Amino acid sequence: MKPLIVALDVDTDKEALALIKATRKHVDLYKVGPTLVLRYGPDIFKRIRKTGKKIFLDLKFHDIPNTMARSIKEAARNGIFSATVHTSAGANALETVAELSGRPQIWGVTVLTSLSGDDLTELGIERSATEQVERLGMLAKRCKIDGVVASVGETSLLRKGLGPHLTIVTPGIRLADNALGDQKRVATPADAKRAGANFIVVGRPILDAKDPGLMAEHIMRDWTR
């Protein structure tokens, strides 16, 4: 599967399908978040699957174990390839969803790339972002979910701790000349590959490009250089 995941962070189904059409040569997996799900419900999944592409459902489930399990089961019924949960939901919740049969890939969010060390301190977490990511990554491994979501800055450390088999998904990806937006911990596609990432998630650099397909091509060139 191609490593580039395009985030369909748009308002309408027409925009989402146009992005898929423009970038499909370079992308197998597309991220769908709350906006499209709340506006269109499960129908948006059917429409994306008809294009022959797979869906990464990024709703970051974080709840009691039973509710998380029911959510993951529903994702499976909708043909979802992978779905995010918050690793901070705890071991019971992670183990519960990991044990479900016929489930999608489960990727545990560690520390959002929009958060800095100061943000964590404000939340009462005294560890650095790197320490918190490592702690949650090892929890994900112990609970036997399929992978984690973390910034490139923590990926190398995670890869050493998690071994070669767990999937690492890295958001906050930009080419060197792209704007940062509200991301605080960012890196290039080549940085992500060197660090040991399996997938990179790219949103605004592609969404805001005059030619999204060409931007996707540039990102993949950076990954492979």
N, C-alpha and C. Protein backbone atom coordinates (compact mmCIF):
# COMPACT_ATOMS: atom_id res chain seq x y z
N MET A 1 0.84 -1.20 0.00
CA MET A 1 0.00 0.00 0.00
C MET A 1 0.88 1.25 0.00
N LYS A 2 0.49 2.25 -0.79
CA LYS A 2 1.27 3.49 -0.88
C LYS A 2 1.31 4.20 0.47
N PRO A 3 2.43 4.83 0.81
CA PRO A 3 2.58 5.43 2.14
C PRO A 3 1.84 6.75 2.35
N LEU A 4 1.45 7.42 1.27
CA LEU A 4 0.81 8.72 1.40
C LEU A 4 -0.68 8.57 1.68
N ILE A 5 -1.12 9.14 2.80
CA ILE A 5 -2.54 9.24 3.14
C ILE A 5 -2.96 10.70 2.97
N VAL A 6 -3.98 10.94 2.17
CA VAL A 6 -4.49 12.30 2.01
C VAL A 6 -5.67 12.50 2.96
N ALA A 7 -5.60 13.58 3.74
CA ALA A 7 -6.67 13.92 4.67
C ALA A 7 -7.77 14.67 3.92
N LEU A 8 -8.95 14.08 3.87
CA LEU A 8 -10.08 14.72 3.20
C LEU A 8 -10.75 15.71 4.16
N ASP A 9 -9.99 16.70 4.59
CA ASP A 9 -10.49 17.70 5.52
C ASP A 9 -11.17 18.83 4.77
N VAL A 10 -12.29 18.47 4.13
CA VAL A 10 -13.06 19.40 3.31
C VAL A 10 -14.50 19.38 3.80
N ASP A 11 -15.31 20.30 3.25
CA ASP A 11 -16.68 20.45 3.74
C ASP A 11 -17.71 19.64 2.97
N THR A 12 -17.43 19.28 1.72
CA THR A 12 -18.46 18.65 0.91
C THR A 12 -17.96 17.35 0.27
N ASP A 13 -18.93 16.51 -0.09
CA ASP A 13 -18.58 15.26 -0.76
C ASP A 13 -17.98 15.52 -2.14
N LYS A 14 -18.43 16.57 -2.82
CA LYS A 14 -17.88 16.90 -4.13
C LYS A 14 -16.40 17.23 -4.04
N GLU A 15 -16.04 18.00 -3.02
CA GLU A 15 -14.62 18.33 -2.82
C GLU A 15 -13.81 17.07 -2.52
N ALA A 16 -14.36 16.21 -1.67
CA ALA A 16 -13.65 14.99 -1.30
C ALA A 16 -13.42 14.09 -2.50
N LEU A 17 -14.46 13.88 -3.30
CA LEU A 17 -14.33 13.00 -4.46
C LEU A 17 -13.42 13.61 -5.53
N ALA A 18 -13.44 14.95 -5.65
CA ALA A 18 -12.55 15.61 -6.60
C ALA A 18 -11.09 15.42 -6.17
N LEU A 19 -10.83 15.48 -4.86
CA LEU A 19 -9.46 15.27 -4.37
C LEU A 19 -9.00 13.84 -4.62
N ILE A 20 -9.90 12.89 -4.43
CA ILE A 20 -9.55 11.50 -4.70
C ILE A 20 -9.22 11.32 -6.18
N LYS A 21 -10.03 11.90 -7.04
CA LYS A 21 -9.78 11.80 -8.48
C LYS A 21 -8.44 12.42 -8.85
N ALA A 22 -8.11 13.55 -8.22
CA ALA A 22 -6.88 14.27 -8.57
C ALA A 22 -5.63 13.56 -8.07
N THR A 23 -5.75 12.83 -6.96
CA THR A 23 -4.55 12.27 -6.31
C THR A 23 -4.48 10.76 -6.36
N ARG A 24 -5.44 10.09 -6.96
CA ARG A 24 -5.57 8.64 -6.86
C ARG A 24 -4.34 7.87 -7.37
N LYS A 25 -3.58 8.48 -8.26
CA LYS A 25 -2.39 7.82 -8.79
C LYS A 25 -1.35 7.59 -7.69
N HIS A 26 -1.35 8.44 -6.67
CA HIS A 26 -0.31 8.40 -5.65
C HIS A 26 -0.82 7.95 -4.29
N VAL A 27 -2.11 7.65 -4.17
CA VAL A 27 -2.73 7.41 -2.87
C VAL A 27 -3.67 6.21 -2.92
N ASP A 28 -3.58 5.34 -1.91
CA ASP A 28 -4.51 4.22 -1.77
C ASP A 28 -5.48 4.42 -0.61
N LEU A 29 -5.08 5.23 0.36
CA LEU A 29 -5.82 5.35 1.62
C LEU A 29 -6.12 6.81 1.90
N TYR A 30 -7.39 7.11 2.21
CA TYR A 30 -7.83 8.48 2.45
C TYR A 30 -8.41 8.62 3.85
N LYS A 31 -8.00 9.70 4.52
CA LYS A 31 -8.47 9.96 5.88
C LYS A 31 -9.79 10.71 5.86
N VAL A 32 -10.76 10.18 6.57
CA VAL A 32 -12.07 10.81 6.71
C VAL A 32 -12.27 11.16 8.18
N GLY A 33 -12.60 12.43 8.43
CA GLY A 33 -12.77 12.90 9.80
C GLY A 33 -14.20 13.29 10.12
N PRO A 34 -14.40 13.98 11.24
CA PRO A 34 -15.76 14.27 11.73
C PRO A 34 -16.62 15.09 10.78
N THR A 35 -16.04 16.05 10.05
CA THR A 35 -16.86 16.94 9.22
C THR A 35 -17.67 16.17 8.19
N LEU A 36 -17.02 15.33 7.42
CA LEU A 36 -17.72 14.58 6.39
C LEU A 36 -18.67 13.55 6.99
N VAL A 37 -18.26 12.92 8.09
CA VAL A 37 -19.11 11.92 8.72
C VAL A 37 -20.39 12.55 9.26
N LEU A 38 -20.26 13.70 9.92
CA LEU A 38 -21.44 14.36 10.48
C LEU A 38 -22.37 14.91 9.40
N ARG A 39 -21.80 15.30 8.28
CA ARG A 39 -22.64 15.86 7.22
C ARG A 39 -23.32 14.78 6.38
N TYR A 40 -22.61 13.70 6.10
CA TYR A 40 -23.13 12.71 5.15
C TYR A 40 -23.40 11.34 5.74
N GLY A 41 -22.95 11.09 6.96
CA GLY A 41 -23.16 9.78 7.55
C GLY A 41 -22.44 8.68 6.79
N PRO A 42 -22.89 7.42 6.94
CA PRO A 42 -22.22 6.29 6.30
C PRO A 42 -22.20 6.36 4.77
N ASP A 43 -23.04 7.18 4.18
CA ASP A 43 -23.07 7.26 2.71
C ASP A 43 -21.73 7.70 2.14
N ILE A 44 -21.00 8.54 2.89
CA ILE A 44 -19.71 9.00 2.36
C ILE A 44 -18.73 7.85 2.27
N PHE A 45 -18.84 6.86 3.16
CA PHE A 45 -17.97 5.69 3.07
C PHE A 45 -18.25 4.90 1.79
N LYS A 46 -19.53 4.72 1.49
CA LYS A 46 -19.91 3.98 0.28
C LYS A 46 -19.38 4.67 -0.96
N ARG A 47 -19.48 5.99 -0.98
CA ARG A 47 -19.06 6.73 -2.17
C ARG A 47 -17.54 6.67 -2.36
N ILE A 48 -16.81 6.70 -1.26
CA ILE A 48 -15.35 6.60 -1.37
C ILE A 48 -14.95 5.18 -1.77
N ARG A 49 -15.59 4.19 -1.19
CA ARG A 49 -15.24 2.81 -1.54
C ARG A 49 -15.51 2.50 -3.01
N LYS A 50 -16.51 3.16 -3.58
CA LYS A 50 -16.81 2.95 -5.00
C LYS A 50 -15.67 3.42 -5.91
N THR A 51 -14.82 4.30 -5.40
CA THR A 51 -13.67 4.75 -6.19
C THR A 51 -12.54 3.71 -6.18
N GLY A 52 -12.70 2.67 -5.37
CA GLY A 52 -11.66 1.66 -5.26
C GLY A 52 -10.61 1.97 -4.21
N LYS A 53 -10.82 3.03 -3.45
CA LYS A 53 -9.86 3.43 -2.43
C LYS A 53 -10.31 3.00 -1.04
N LYS A 54 -9.35 2.95 -0.10
CA LYS A 54 -9.62 2.53 1.26
C LYS A 54 -9.77 3.74 2.18
N ILE A 55 -10.42 3.50 3.32
CA ILE A 55 -10.76 4.60 4.23
C ILE A 55 -10.05 4.44 5.56
N PHE A 56 -9.41 5.51 5.97
CA PHE A 56 -8.82 5.66 7.30
C PHE A 56 -9.77 6.57 8.08
N LEU A 57 -10.52 5.99 9.00
CA LEU A 57 -11.52 6.74 9.77
C LEU A 57 -10.85 7.37 10.98
N ASP A 58 -10.76 8.68 10.98
CA ASP A 58 -10.02 9.39 12.03
C ASP A 58 -11.00 10.12 12.94
N LEU A 59 -11.69 9.36 13.80
CA LEU A 59 -12.60 9.95 14.78
C LEU A 59 -12.03 9.89 16.19
N LYS A 60 -10.86 9.28 16.33
CA LYS A 60 -10.13 9.28 17.61
C LYS A 60 -11.03 8.87 18.77
N PHE A 61 -11.58 7.67 18.71
CA PHE A 61 -12.47 7.20 19.76
C PHE A 61 -11.76 7.19 21.11
N HIS A 62 -12.45 7.73 22.10
CA HIS A 62 -11.89 7.82 23.46
C HIS A 62 -13.08 7.76 24.42
N ASP A 63 -13.32 6.55 24.94
CA ASP A 63 -14.52 6.36 25.76
C ASP A 63 -14.32 5.13 26.63
N ILE A 64 -15.39 4.71 27.31
CA ILE A 64 -15.31 3.49 28.09
C ILE A 64 -15.17 2.31 27.12
N PRO A 65 -14.61 1.19 27.59
CA PRO A 65 -14.32 0.08 26.68
C PRO A 65 -15.51 -0.40 25.86
N ASN A 66 -16.68 -0.53 26.47
CA ASN A 66 -17.84 -1.03 25.74
C ASN A 66 -18.24 -0.11 24.60
N THR A 67 -18.22 1.18 24.84
CA THR A 67 -18.59 2.14 23.80
C THR A 67 -17.57 2.15 22.68
N MET A 68 -16.29 2.06 23.03
CA MET A 68 -15.26 2.01 22.00
C MET A 68 -15.40 0.74 21.16
N ALA A 69 -15.70 -0.38 21.80
CA ALA A 69 -15.87 -1.63 21.06
C ALA A 69 -17.04 -1.53 20.09
N ARG A 70 -18.14 -0.96 20.53
CA ARG A 70 -19.30 -0.81 19.64
C ARG A 70 -18.97 0.10 18.47
N SER A 71 -18.18 1.14 18.70
CA SER A 71 -17.79 2.05 17.63
C SER A 71 -16.92 1.35 16.60
N ILE A 72 -15.96 0.56 17.07
CA ILE A 72 -15.08 -0.17 16.16
C ILE A 72 -15.85 -1.22 15.36
N LYS A 73 -16.81 -1.89 16.00
CA LYS A 73 -17.65 -2.85 15.29
C LYS A 73 -18.43 -2.15 14.17
N GLU A 74 -18.93 -0.97 14.45
CA GLU A 74 -19.68 -0.23 13.43
C GLU A 74 -18.77 0.20 12.29
N ALA A 75 -17.54 0.57 12.63
CA ALA A 75 -16.57 0.90 11.58
C ALA A 75 -16.33 -0.30 10.68
N ALA A 76 -16.22 -1.47 11.27
CA ALA A 76 -16.01 -2.69 10.48
C ALA A 76 -17.18 -2.93 9.55
N ARG A 77 -18.40 -2.72 10.03
CA ARG A 77 -19.59 -2.93 9.18
C ARG A 77 -19.62 -1.97 8.00
N ASN A 78 -18.92 -0.85 8.13
CA ASN A 78 -18.89 0.14 7.05
C ASN A 78 -17.67 -0.01 6.15
N GLY A 79 -16.97 -1.10 6.28
CA GLY A 79 -15.85 -1.38 5.38
C GLY A 79 -14.63 -0.51 5.59
N ILE A 80 -14.44 -0.04 6.81
CA ILE A 80 -13.31 0.83 7.12
C ILE A 80 -12.02 0.01 7.19
N PHE A 81 -10.96 0.53 6.59
CA PHE A 81 -9.67 -0.17 6.63
C PHE A 81 -8.96 0.04 7.97
N SER A 82 -8.94 1.29 8.46
CA SER A 82 -8.25 1.59 9.72
C SER A 82 -9.00 2.70 10.45
N ALA A 83 -8.88 2.69 11.78
CA ALA A 83 -9.57 3.68 12.60
C ALA A 83 -8.69 4.08 13.77
N THR A 84 -8.81 5.31 14.20
CA THR A 84 -8.02 5.80 15.33
C THR A 84 -8.79 5.72 16.63
N VAL A 85 -8.03 5.43 17.69
CA VAL A 85 -8.50 5.55 19.06
C VAL A 85 -7.44 6.35 19.81
N HIS A 86 -7.82 6.91 20.94
CA HIS A 86 -6.82 7.56 21.80
C HIS A 86 -6.21 6.50 22.71
N THR A 87 -4.89 6.38 22.66
CA THR A 87 -4.24 5.43 23.56
C THR A 87 -4.46 5.81 25.02
N SER A 88 -4.70 7.08 25.28
CA SER A 88 -4.94 7.53 26.65
C SER A 88 -6.29 7.06 27.19
N ALA A 89 -7.08 6.34 26.36
CA ALA A 89 -8.31 5.72 26.88
C ALA A 89 -7.98 4.62 27.87
N GLY A 90 -6.74 4.12 27.81
CA GLY A 90 -6.28 3.16 28.81
C GLY A 90 -6.24 1.72 28.32
N ALA A 91 -5.57 0.89 29.11
CA ALA A 91 -5.32 -0.49 28.71
C ALA A 91 -6.59 -1.30 28.52
N ASN A 92 -7.57 -1.15 29.39
CA ASN A 92 -8.79 -1.94 29.26
C ASN A 92 -9.49 -1.67 27.94
N ALA A 93 -9.59 -0.42 27.58
CA ALA A 93 -10.25 -0.07 26.32
C ALA A 93 -9.45 -0.57 25.12
N LEU A 94 -8.14 -0.40 25.16
CA LEU A 94 -7.31 -0.84 24.03
C LEU A 94 -7.34 -2.35 23.86
N GLU A 95 -7.26 -3.07 24.96
CA GLU A 95 -7.30 -4.52 24.88
C GLU A 95 -8.66 -5.01 24.38
N THR A 96 -9.72 -4.33 24.79
CA THR A 96 -11.07 -4.72 24.37
C THR A 96 -11.23 -4.60 22.86
N VAL A 97 -10.78 -3.48 22.28
CA VAL A 97 -10.95 -3.32 20.84
C VAL A 97 -9.97 -4.18 20.06
N ALA A 98 -8.79 -4.43 20.64
CA ALA A 98 -7.80 -5.27 19.95
C ALA A 98 -8.30 -6.69 19.79
N GLU A 99 -9.11 -7.16 20.73
CA GLU A 99 -9.58 -8.54 20.71
C GLU A 99 -10.79 -8.76 19.81
N LEU A 100 -11.35 -7.71 19.23
CA LEU A 100 -12.53 -7.86 18.38
C LEU A 100 -12.17 -8.60 17.10
N SER A 101 -13.03 -9.48 16.66
CA SER A 101 -12.80 -10.20 15.41
C SER A 101 -13.33 -9.39 14.23
N GLY A 102 -12.68 -9.52 13.09
CA GLY A 102 -13.13 -8.84 11.88
C GLY A 102 -13.05 -7.34 11.94
N ARG A 103 -12.23 -6.84 12.83
CA ARG A 103 -12.15 -5.38 13.01
C ARG A 103 -11.20 -4.75 12.00
N PRO A 104 -11.30 -3.41 11.83
CA PRO A 104 -10.29 -2.72 11.02
C PRO A 104 -8.97 -2.64 11.77
N GLN A 105 -7.93 -2.17 11.08
CA GLN A 105 -6.68 -1.83 11.75
C GLN A 105 -6.97 -0.75 12.79
N ILE A 106 -6.36 -0.87 13.96
CA ILE A 106 -6.57 0.13 15.01
C ILE A 106 -5.24 0.84 15.27
N TRP A 107 -5.27 2.15 15.09
CA TRP A 107 -4.08 2.98 15.28
C TRP A 107 -4.31 3.92 16.46
N GLY A 108 -3.42 3.86 17.44
CA GLY A 108 -3.59 4.65 18.65
C GLY A 108 -2.92 6.01 18.56
N VAL A 109 -3.70 7.05 18.75
CA VAL A 109 -3.16 8.41 18.77
C VAL A 109 -2.39 8.61 20.07
N THR A 110 -1.18 9.13 19.97
CA THR A 110 -0.36 9.36 21.16
C THR A 110 -0.53 10.81 21.62
N VAL A 111 0.28 11.72 21.10
CA VAL A 111 0.16 13.15 21.43
C VAL A 111 -0.08 13.91 20.13
N LEU A 112 -1.14 14.67 20.08
CA LEU A 112 -1.48 15.42 18.87
C LEU A 112 -0.33 16.33 18.45
N THR A 113 -0.11 16.44 17.14
CA THR A 113 1.00 17.27 16.66
C THR A 113 0.76 18.76 16.88
N SER A 114 -0.45 19.14 17.27
CA SER A 114 -0.72 20.54 17.58
C SER A 114 -0.31 20.90 19.01
N LEU A 115 0.10 19.90 19.80
CA LEU A 115 0.45 20.14 21.20
C LEU A 115 1.95 20.23 21.40
N SER A 116 2.36 21.17 22.23
CA SER A 116 3.76 21.31 22.62
C SER A 116 3.93 20.88 24.06
N GLY A 117 5.17 20.93 24.56
CA GLY A 117 5.43 20.60 25.95
C GLY A 117 4.67 21.50 26.91
N ASP A 118 4.57 22.77 26.58
CA ASP A 118 3.82 23.70 27.43
C ASP A 118 2.34 23.33 27.49
N ASP A 119 1.80 22.88 26.37
CA ASP A 119 0.40 22.46 26.34
C ASP A 119 0.19 21.26 27.26
N LEU A 120 1.13 20.32 27.23
CA LEU A 120 1.01 19.14 28.10
C LEU A 120 1.09 19.54 29.56
N THR A 121 1.98 20.46 29.89
CA THR A 121 2.08 20.94 31.26
C THR A 121 0.76 21.54 31.73
N GLU A 122 0.14 22.31 30.86
CA GLU A 122 -1.14 22.92 31.18
C GLU A 122 -2.22 21.87 31.46
N LEU A 123 -2.07 20.71 30.81
CA LEU A 123 -3.02 19.61 31.00
C LEU A 123 -2.68 18.75 32.22
N GLY A 124 -1.58 19.10 32.91
CA GLY A 124 -1.20 18.35 34.09
C GLY A 124 -0.27 17.19 33.81
N ILE A 125 0.28 17.12 32.58
CA ILE A 125 1.21 16.06 32.21
C ILE A 125 2.62 16.61 32.32
N GLU A 126 3.39 16.10 33.25
CA GLU A 126 4.71 16.65 33.53
C GLU A 126 5.80 16.11 32.61
N ARG A 127 5.51 15.03 31.90
CA ARG A 127 6.49 14.49 30.94
C ARG A 127 6.56 15.36 29.70
N SER A 128 7.68 15.30 29.01
CA SER A 128 7.80 15.98 27.72
C SER A 128 6.94 15.27 26.69
N ALA A 129 6.73 15.92 25.54
CA ALA A 129 5.94 15.29 24.48
C ALA A 129 6.57 13.97 24.06
N THR A 130 7.90 13.95 23.95
CA THR A 130 8.59 12.72 23.54
C THR A 130 8.40 11.61 24.57
N GLU A 131 8.53 11.93 25.84
CA GLU A 131 8.34 10.93 26.89
C GLU A 131 6.91 10.41 26.92
N GLN A 132 5.95 11.32 26.72
CA GLN A 132 4.55 10.90 26.73
C GLN A 132 4.23 10.01 25.53
N VAL A 133 4.76 10.37 24.38
CA VAL A 133 4.55 9.55 23.19
C VAL A 133 5.14 8.16 23.38
N GLU A 134 6.35 8.09 23.92
CA GLU A 134 6.99 6.80 24.14
C GLU A 134 6.18 5.95 25.11
N ARG A 135 5.70 6.56 26.17
CA ARG A 135 4.92 5.84 27.17
C ARG A 135 3.64 5.26 26.55
N LEU A 136 2.94 6.09 25.77
CA LEU A 136 1.69 5.65 25.15
C LEU A 136 1.95 4.64 24.03
N GLY A 137 3.06 4.80 23.34
CA GLY A 137 3.42 3.84 22.30
C GLY A 137 3.65 2.45 22.87
N MET A 138 4.34 2.38 23.99
CA MET A 138 4.58 1.09 24.62
C MET A 138 3.28 0.49 25.16
N LEU A 139 2.37 1.34 25.61
CA LEU A 139 1.05 0.86 26.03
C LEU A 139 0.32 0.24 24.85
N ALA A 140 0.38 0.90 23.70
CA ALA A 140 -0.27 0.37 22.50
C ALA A 140 0.30 -0.99 22.12
N LYS A 141 1.60 -1.12 22.19
CA LYS A 141 2.24 -2.41 21.88
C LYS A 141 1.80 -3.49 22.86
N ARG A 142 1.78 -3.16 24.12
CA ARG A 142 1.40 -4.14 25.14
C ARG A 142 -0.04 -4.59 24.98
N CYS A 143 -0.90 -3.69 24.53
CA CYS A 143 -2.32 -4.01 24.36
C CYS A 143 -2.63 -4.62 23.00
N LYS A 144 -1.62 -4.74 22.14
CA LYS A 144 -1.71 -5.43 20.86
C LYS A 144 -2.65 -4.78 19.85
N ILE A 145 -2.69 -3.43 19.85
CA ILE A 145 -3.32 -2.77 18.71
C ILE A 145 -2.29 -2.70 17.58
N ASP A 146 -2.71 -2.26 16.42
CA ASP A 146 -1.91 -2.45 15.22
C ASP A 146 -0.86 -1.38 14.97
N GLY A 147 -1.02 -0.21 15.58
CA GLY A 147 -0.06 0.84 15.32
C GLY A 147 -0.35 2.08 16.13
N VAL A 148 0.44 3.10 15.89
CA VAL A 148 0.30 4.36 16.62
C VAL A 148 0.40 5.53 15.66
N VAL A 149 -0.12 6.66 16.10
CA VAL A 149 -0.02 7.91 15.37
C VAL A 149 0.85 8.85 16.19
N ALA A 150 1.94 9.33 15.60
CA ALA A 150 2.88 10.19 16.32
C ALA A 150 3.64 11.06 15.33
N SER A 151 4.21 12.14 15.81
CA SER A 151 4.97 13.03 14.94
C SER A 151 6.30 12.38 14.56
N VAL A 152 6.91 12.90 13.50
CA VAL A 152 8.18 12.35 13.05
C VAL A 152 9.25 12.48 14.12
N GLY A 153 9.17 13.54 14.93
CA GLY A 153 10.17 13.75 15.96
C GLY A 153 10.28 12.62 16.96
N GLU A 154 9.18 11.87 17.14
CA GLU A 154 9.19 10.74 18.07
C GLU A 154 9.26 9.38 17.36
N THR A 155 9.21 9.38 16.03
CA THR A 155 9.08 8.12 15.30
C THR A 155 10.30 7.23 15.43
N SER A 156 11.49 7.81 15.36
CA SER A 156 12.70 7.00 15.45
C SER A 156 12.78 6.28 16.80
N LEU A 157 12.49 7.01 17.86
CA LEU A 157 12.49 6.41 19.19
C LEU A 157 11.42 5.33 19.31
N LEU A 158 10.23 5.62 18.76
CA LEU A 158 9.15 4.64 18.79
C LEU A 158 9.52 3.37 18.03
N ARG A 159 10.12 3.55 16.87
CA ARG A 159 10.45 2.38 16.05
C ARG A 159 11.41 1.45 16.81
N LYS A 160 12.35 2.02 17.52
CA LYS A 160 13.27 1.20 18.31
C LYS A 160 12.53 0.44 19.41
N GLY A 161 11.57 1.10 20.03
CA GLY A 161 10.85 0.47 21.13
C GLY A 161 9.76 -0.49 20.68
N LEU A 162 9.12 -0.18 19.55
CA LEU A 162 7.98 -0.98 19.10
C LEU A 162 8.38 -2.13 18.21
N GLY A 163 9.60 -2.08 17.66
CA GLY A 163 10.02 -3.12 16.74
C GLY A 163 9.52 -2.86 15.33
N PRO A 164 9.75 -3.79 14.42
CA PRO A 164 9.49 -3.54 13.00
C PRO A 164 8.05 -3.75 12.56
N HIS A 165 7.22 -4.35 13.39
CA HIS A 165 5.92 -4.81 12.90
C HIS A 165 4.77 -3.85 13.15
N LEU A 166 4.81 -3.06 14.21
CA LEU A 166 3.72 -2.12 14.45
C LEU A 166 3.79 -0.97 13.45
N THR A 167 2.63 -0.56 12.99
CA THR A 167 2.53 0.54 12.04
C THR A 167 2.72 1.87 12.75
N ILE A 168 3.50 2.77 12.15
CA ILE A 168 3.63 4.13 12.66
C ILE A 168 3.13 5.09 11.58
N VAL A 169 2.15 5.90 11.97
CA VAL A 169 1.52 6.87 11.07
C VAL A 169 1.92 8.26 11.53
N THR A 170 2.46 9.06 10.62
CA THR A 170 2.96 10.38 11.01
C THR A 170 2.19 11.50 10.32
N PRO A 171 1.42 12.26 11.11
CA PRO A 171 0.82 13.50 10.59
C PRO A 171 1.82 14.64 10.69
N GLY A 172 1.35 15.86 10.41
CA GLY A 172 2.24 17.02 10.51
C GLY A 172 3.31 17.01 9.44
N ILE A 173 3.00 16.49 8.26
CA ILE A 173 3.98 16.39 7.19
C ILE A 173 3.87 17.59 6.26
N ARG A 174 5.01 18.19 5.97
CA ARG A 174 5.09 19.35 5.09
C ARG A 174 6.34 19.22 4.23
N LEU A 175 6.29 19.73 3.01
CA LEU A 175 7.52 19.95 2.27
C LEU A 175 8.24 21.14 2.88
N ALA A 176 9.50 21.31 2.57
CA ALA A 176 10.31 22.33 3.23
C ALA A 176 9.73 23.73 3.09
N ASP A 177 9.04 23.99 1.96
CA ASP A 177 8.54 25.35 1.73
C ASP A 177 7.06 25.51 2.04
N ASN A 178 6.43 24.50 2.67
CA ASN A 178 5.01 24.61 3.04
C ASN A 178 4.85 25.36 4.34
N ALA A 179 3.71 26.04 4.49
CA ALA A 179 3.39 26.72 5.75
C ALA A 179 3.08 25.71 6.83
N LEU A 180 3.34 26.08 8.09
CA LEU A 180 3.13 25.16 9.21
C LEU A 180 1.67 25.04 9.61
N GLY A 181 0.86 26.08 9.39
CA GLY A 181 -0.51 26.06 9.87
C GLY A 181 -0.52 26.00 11.38
N ASP A 182 -1.42 25.15 11.97
CA ASP A 182 -1.47 25.06 13.43
C ASP A 182 -0.68 23.87 13.97
N GLN A 183 0.14 23.26 13.12
CA GLN A 183 0.98 22.16 13.56
C GLN A 183 2.25 22.72 14.21
N LYS A 184 2.68 22.09 15.29
CA LYS A 184 3.88 22.53 16.00
C LYS A 184 5.04 21.56 15.85
N ARG A 185 4.76 20.28 15.60
CA ARG A 185 5.81 19.27 15.47
C ARG A 185 5.68 18.67 14.09
N VAL A 186 6.47 19.20 13.14
CA VAL A 186 6.31 18.84 11.73
C VAL A 186 7.64 18.34 11.16
N ALA A 187 7.56 17.75 9.96
CA ALA A 187 8.76 17.27 9.27
C ALA A 187 8.41 16.99 7.83
N THR A 188 9.41 16.69 7.03
CA THR A 188 9.20 16.40 5.61
C THR A 188 8.93 14.91 5.42
N PRO A 189 8.40 14.52 4.25
CA PRO A 189 8.20 13.09 3.97
C PRO A 189 9.49 12.29 4.09
N ALA A 190 10.60 12.82 3.58
CA ALA A 190 11.87 12.10 3.67
C ALA A 190 12.29 11.90 5.12
N ASP A 191 12.07 12.91 5.96
CA ASP A 191 12.36 12.78 7.39
C ASP A 191 11.56 11.62 7.99
N ALA A 192 10.29 11.54 7.61
CA ALA A 192 9.41 10.50 8.15
C ALA A 192 9.90 9.11 7.75
N LYS A 193 10.28 8.97 6.49
CA LYS A 193 10.75 7.66 6.03
C LYS A 193 12.02 7.25 6.76
N ARG A 194 12.96 8.18 6.88
CA ARG A 194 14.22 7.87 7.56
C ARG A 194 13.99 7.47 9.02
N ALA A 195 12.97 8.08 9.63
CA ALA A 195 12.70 7.80 11.04
C ALA A 195 12.02 6.45 11.24
N GLY A 196 11.44 5.88 10.18
CA GLY A 196 10.81 4.57 10.30
C GLY A 196 9.30 4.56 10.18
N ALA A 197 8.71 5.64 9.66
CA ALA A 197 7.25 5.69 9.49
C ALA A 197 6.80 4.76 8.36
N ASN A 198 5.58 4.24 8.51
CA ASN A 198 4.96 3.45 7.45
C ASN A 198 4.06 4.30 6.56
N PHE A 199 3.36 5.24 7.19
CA PHE A 199 2.44 6.12 6.48
C PHE A 199 2.68 7.56 6.90
N ILE A 200 2.44 8.49 5.96
CA ILE A 200 2.43 9.92 6.26
C ILE A 200 1.05 10.47 5.91
N VAL A 201 0.56 11.38 6.75
CA VAL A 201 -0.74 12.00 6.53
C VAL A 201 -0.52 13.45 6.12
N VAL A 202 -1.08 13.81 4.98
CA VAL A 202 -0.93 15.17 4.46
C VAL A 202 -2.31 15.76 4.17
N GLY A 203 -2.55 16.96 4.69
CA GLY A 203 -3.81 17.63 4.46
C GLY A 203 -3.64 18.90 3.66
N ARG A 204 -3.46 20.01 4.37
CA ARG A 204 -3.49 21.32 3.72
C ARG A 204 -2.49 21.52 2.60
N PRO A 205 -1.26 21.02 2.67
CA PRO A 205 -0.38 21.21 1.52
C PRO A 205 -0.97 20.68 0.21
N ILE A 206 -1.75 19.61 0.29
CA ILE A 206 -2.41 19.08 -0.91
C ILE A 206 -3.74 19.77 -1.14
N LEU A 207 -4.52 19.97 -0.09
CA LEU A 207 -5.84 20.58 -0.24
C LEU A 207 -5.74 22.01 -0.79
N ASP A 208 -4.71 22.74 -0.37
CA ASP A 208 -4.58 24.14 -0.77
C ASP A 208 -3.80 24.33 -2.06
N ALA A 209 -3.26 23.26 -2.60
CA ALA A 209 -2.45 23.36 -3.82
C ALA A 209 -3.31 23.65 -5.04
N LYS A 210 -2.77 24.42 -5.98
CA LYS A 210 -3.47 24.66 -7.23
C LYS A 210 -3.67 23.35 -8.00
N ASP A 211 -2.70 22.46 -7.89
CA ASP A 211 -2.78 21.15 -8.54
C ASP A 211 -2.51 20.08 -7.48
N PRO A 212 -3.57 19.56 -6.82
CA PRO A 212 -3.37 18.58 -5.75
C PRO A 212 -2.62 17.33 -6.20
N GLY A 213 -2.88 16.90 -7.42
CA GLY A 213 -2.19 15.71 -7.93
C GLY A 213 -0.70 15.93 -8.05
N LEU A 214 -0.31 17.10 -8.53
CA LEU A 214 1.10 17.42 -8.67
C LEU A 214 1.76 17.55 -7.30
N MET A 215 1.06 18.14 -6.34
CA MET A 215 1.61 18.24 -4.99
C MET A 215 1.80 16.86 -4.39
N ALA A 216 0.83 15.95 -4.59
CA ALA A 216 0.97 14.58 -4.11
C ALA A 216 2.19 13.91 -4.74
N GLU A 217 2.43 14.19 -6.01
CA GLU A 217 3.61 13.64 -6.69
C GLU A 217 4.89 14.17 -6.07
N HIS A 218 4.93 15.47 -5.78
CA HIS A 218 6.12 16.07 -5.15
C HIS A 218 6.38 15.45 -3.78
N ILE A 219 5.30 15.22 -3.03
CA ILE A 219 5.45 14.63 -1.70
C ILE A 219 6.02 13.22 -1.79
N MET A 220 5.53 12.44 -2.75
CA MET A 220 6.05 11.09 -2.93
C MET A 220 7.50 11.10 -3.42
N ARG A 221 7.85 12.08 -4.23
CA ARG A 221 9.25 12.20 -4.65
C ARG A 221 10.15 12.48 -3.45
N ASP A 222 9.66 13.33 -2.54
CA ASP A 222 10.45 13.63 -1.35
C ASP A 222 10.59 12.38 -0.49
N TRP A 223 9.54 11.59 -0.38
CA TRP A 223 9.58 10.35 0.38
C TRP A 223 10.64 9.40 -0.14
N THR A 224 10.75 9.32 -1.46
CA THR A 224 11.64 8.32 -2.07
C THR A 224 13.06 8.84 -2.34
N ARG A 225 13.32 10.12 -2.15
CA ARG A 225 14.63 10.65 -2.50
C ARG A 225 15.71 10.18 -1.51
